[in-house]
Amino acid sequence: MAERFADDNVEIVIAPAIGGVILSQWTAHHLSEITGREVFGVYAEKEVLAIPSPKRKNRLCYAETGNFVIKRGYDEIVAEKNILVVEDVLTTGGSAKKVIETVRALGGNVIGLGVLCNRGGITAQDVGNVPKLTALANMKLDAWDEADCPLCAKGIPVNPDVGKGKEYLARKK
């Protein structure tokens, strides 16, 4: 992936946490090796709000907003830098698009999006009109609405250890 962006003057590589952290670091490392200049690897994390607990006095509950934030001082180095966003798998492009929007809101110049696998046919326009979108693999993987799922119809259980299985089962309770 680093080779595909070697000529794009990338200064910072950023990915959504948690899954993209390693990808961000290694892509930045290889870009540093290829270009001969230091490229930073950072990450964006899901925004979490602390709200008063409705059940217990003097306690807080934590809720994700669905947005991404760049913290720990990384937000201060993003402005006016050339940023490469990386992601492992694009299905809907939602997480990548939110990270791109967050980088742009901080004044970063998004030069592209690199992904290991684009399984949803996502285009550059789908993720905020990035100038360059590249995937190491493009493949169409079937996805179904719950009502149309052939595996559910056969009674095959959802694996909570893969993908969003745990969240799906929690929603069904």
Protein backbone atom coordinates (compact mmCIF):
# COMPACT_ATOMS: atom_id res chain seq x y z
CA MET A 1 0.00 0.00 0.00
CA ALA A 2 2.85 2.38 0.80
CA GLU A 3 4.24 1.93 -2.70
CA ARG A 4 0.95 3.13 -4.21
CA PHE A 5 1.29 6.46 -2.36
CA ALA A 6 5.09 6.84 -2.49
CA ASP A 7 4.94 9.81 -4.90
CA ASP A 8 2.10 11.65 -3.13
CA ASN A 9 4.14 13.49 -0.47
CA VAL A 10 2.34 11.78 2.43
CA GLU A 11 3.29 13.30 5.77
CA ILE A 12 0.86 11.49 8.07
CA VAL A 13 -1.00 8.18 7.77
CA ILE A 14 -4.17 7.89 9.83
CA ALA A 15 -6.64 5.06 10.37
CA PRO A 16 -9.73 4.45 12.45
CA ALA A 17 -8.98 2.69 15.74
CA ILE A 18 -8.74 -0.03 16.75
CA GLY A 19 -8.40 -2.24 13.72
CA GLY A 20 -6.52 0.27 11.58
CA VAL A 21 -3.86 1.28 14.11
CA ILE A 22 -1.36 -1.37 13.05
CA LEU A 23 -2.07 -0.71 9.38
CA SER A 24 -1.45 3.00 9.91
CA GLN A 25 1.83 2.41 11.71
CA TRP A 26 3.24 -0.05 9.18
CA THR A 27 2.14 1.98 6.17
CA ALA A 28 3.83 5.04 7.70
CA HIS A 29 6.95 2.97 8.42
CA HIS A 30 7.19 1.73 4.84
CA LEU A 31 6.52 5.19 3.41
CA SER A 32 9.36 6.49 5.61
CA GLU A 33 11.65 3.78 4.25
CA ILE A 34 10.65 4.38 0.62
CA THR A 35 10.79 8.19 0.70
CA GLY A 36 13.70 8.68 3.10
CA ARG A 37 11.74 11.08 5.29
CA GLU A 38 9.75 10.52 8.45
CA VAL A 39 6.06 9.82 7.95
CA PHE A 40 3.94 9.68 11.10
CA GLY A 41 1.35 6.99 11.79
CA VAL A 42 -1.59 8.08 13.94
CA TYR A 43 -5.18 7.06 14.56
CA ALA A 44 -8.66 8.44 15.04
CA GLU A 45 -10.82 6.99 17.76
CA LYS A 46 -14.54 6.85 18.25
CA GLU A 47 -15.92 9.83 20.11
CA VAL A 48 -17.28 8.91 23.52
CA LEU A 49 -19.45 11.18 25.65
CA ALA A 50 -19.83 10.93 29.41
CA ILE A 51 -23.41 11.44 30.52
CA PRO A 52 -24.99 11.23 33.98
CA SER A 53 -26.29 7.77 34.80
CA PRO A 54 -30.10 7.61 34.85
CA LYS A 55 -29.96 4.83 37.47
CA ARG A 56 -27.12 5.78 39.83
CA LYS A 57 -26.34 9.15 41.39
CA ASN A 58 -22.84 10.51 40.94
CA ARG A 59 -22.06 7.95 38.22
CA LEU A 60 -21.45 8.41 34.55
CA CYS A 61 -22.43 6.36 31.54
CA TYR A 62 -20.38 6.42 28.37
CA ALA A 63 -21.91 6.49 24.91
CA GLU A 64 -20.32 6.51 21.46
CA THR A 65 -21.58 9.27 19.18
CA GLY A 66 -20.73 7.51 15.92
CA ASN A 67 -18.16 10.18 15.06
CA PHE A 68 -14.38 10.01 15.16
CA VAL A 69 -11.98 12.31 17.01
CA ILE A 70 -8.25 12.75 16.80
CA LYS A 71 -6.79 13.22 20.27
CA ARG A 72 -3.57 12.81 22.26
CA GLY A 73 -1.96 15.76 20.49
CA TYR A 74 -2.28 14.20 17.04
CA ASP A 75 -5.00 16.73 16.24
CA GLU A 76 -2.39 19.49 16.50
CA ILE A 77 -0.11 18.00 13.84
CA VAL A 78 -2.79 17.25 11.23
CA ALA A 79 -3.46 20.82 10.10
CA GLU A 80 -1.95 21.70 6.72
CA LYS A 81 -0.33 18.26 6.35
CA ASN A 82 -0.80 15.77 3.51
CA ILE A 83 -2.77 12.92 5.03
CA LEU A 84 -3.26 9.37 3.81
CA VAL A 85 -6.22 7.60 5.38
CA VAL A 86 -5.95 3.80 5.52
CA GLU A 87 -8.50 1.13 6.35
CA ASP A 88 -8.55 -2.63 6.38
CA VAL A 89 -11.93 -3.41 4.78
CA LEU A 90 -14.41 -1.10 3.05
CA THR A 91 -17.95 -2.40 3.21
CA THR A 92 -20.04 0.77 3.33
CA GLY A 93 -17.15 3.23 3.64
CA GLY A 94 -18.76 4.81 6.70
CA SER A 95 -15.79 4.73 9.07
CA ALA A 96 -13.32 5.88 6.43
CA LYS A 97 -15.61 8.75 5.41
CA LYS A 98 -15.96 9.90 9.03
CA VAL A 99 -12.18 9.86 9.52
CA ILE A 100 -11.74 11.81 6.28
CA GLU A 101 -14.29 14.39 7.45
CA THR A 102 -12.53 14.68 10.83
CA VAL A 103 -9.12 15.21 9.19
CA ARG A 104 -10.55 17.88 6.89
CA ALA A 105 -12.30 19.64 9.78
CA LEU A 106 -8.88 19.96 11.45
CA GLY A 107 -7.38 21.47 8.30
CA GLY A 108 -5.62 18.37 6.99
CA ASN A 109 -5.22 17.78 3.26
CA VAL A 110 -6.51 14.28 2.51
CA ILE A 111 -4.52 13.03 -0.47
CA GLY A 112 -6.09 9.59 -0.60
CA LEU A 113 -7.58 6.48 0.93
CA GLY A 114 -5.76 3.17 0.81
CA VAL A 115 -7.52 -0.05 1.79
CA LEU A 116 -6.60 -3.69 1.96
CA CYS A 117 -9.96 -4.86 0.60
CA ASN A 118 -12.84 -2.97 -0.99
CA ARG A 119 -15.66 -5.46 -0.63
CA GLY A 120 -18.51 -3.01 -1.16
CA GLY A 121 -17.67 -1.45 -4.52
CA ILE A 122 -17.05 1.82 -2.69
CA THR A 123 -15.95 4.74 -4.87
CA ALA A 124 -13.93 7.87 -4.09
CA GLN A 125 -17.19 9.84 -4.18
CA ASP A 126 -18.76 7.56 -1.54
CA VAL A 127 -16.08 8.51 0.98
CA GLY A 128 -16.02 12.26 0.49
CA ASN A 129 -14.45 12.68 -2.96
CA VAL A 130 -10.93 11.68 -2.03
CA PRO A 131 -8.45 12.41 -4.83
CA LYS A 132 -7.19 8.83 -4.89
CA LEU A 133 -8.71 5.56 -3.71
CA THR A 134 -6.76 2.36 -4.05
CA ALA A 135 -7.43 -1.16 -2.78
CA LEU A 136 -5.04 -4.09 -2.72
CA ALA A 137 -8.05 -6.33 -3.40
CA ASN A 138 -11.49 -5.61 -4.84
CA MET A 139 -14.13 -8.27 -4.42
CA LYS A 140 -17.86 -8.45 -4.22
CA LEU A 141 -18.97 -10.22 -1.07
CA ASP A 142 -22.65 -10.86 -0.65
CA ALA A 143 -24.57 -9.07 2.08
CA TRP A 144 -28.22 -9.57 2.92
CA ASP A 145 -30.90 -7.88 4.93
CA GLU A 146 -31.81 -9.93 7.99
CA ALA A 147 -35.11 -11.03 6.48
CA ASP A 148 -33.38 -12.34 3.34
CA CYS A 149 -30.35 -14.04 4.91
CA PRO A 150 -30.06 -17.63 3.60
CA LEU A 151 -27.81 -18.64 6.52
CA CYS A 152 -30.43 -17.46 9.05
CA ALA A 153 -33.11 -19.35 7.12
CA LYS A 154 -31.03 -22.54 7.52
CA GLY A 155 -30.65 -21.93 11.27
CA ILE A 156 -26.89 -21.35 11.11
CA PRO A 157 -25.92 -19.45 14.27
CA VAL A 158 -24.19 -16.08 14.19
CA ASN A 159 -20.57 -16.21 15.30
CA PRO A 160 -20.09 -13.50 17.96
CA ASP A 161 -16.30 -13.58 17.53
CA VAL A 162 -16.33 -12.43 13.90
CA GLY A 163 -17.23 -9.04 12.46
CA LYS A 164 -20.25 -7.44 14.06
CA GLY A 165 -21.72 -10.73 15.32
CA LYS A 166 -21.64 -9.73 18.98
CA GLU A 167 -23.39 -6.41 18.30
CA TYR A 168 -25.98 -8.12 16.14
CA LEU A 169 -26.83 -10.66 18.84
CA ALA A 170 -27.03 -7.92 21.50
CA ARG A 171 -29.52 -5.99 19.32
CA LYS A 172 -31.67 -9.10 18.91
CA LYS A 173 -32.13 -9.53 22.69
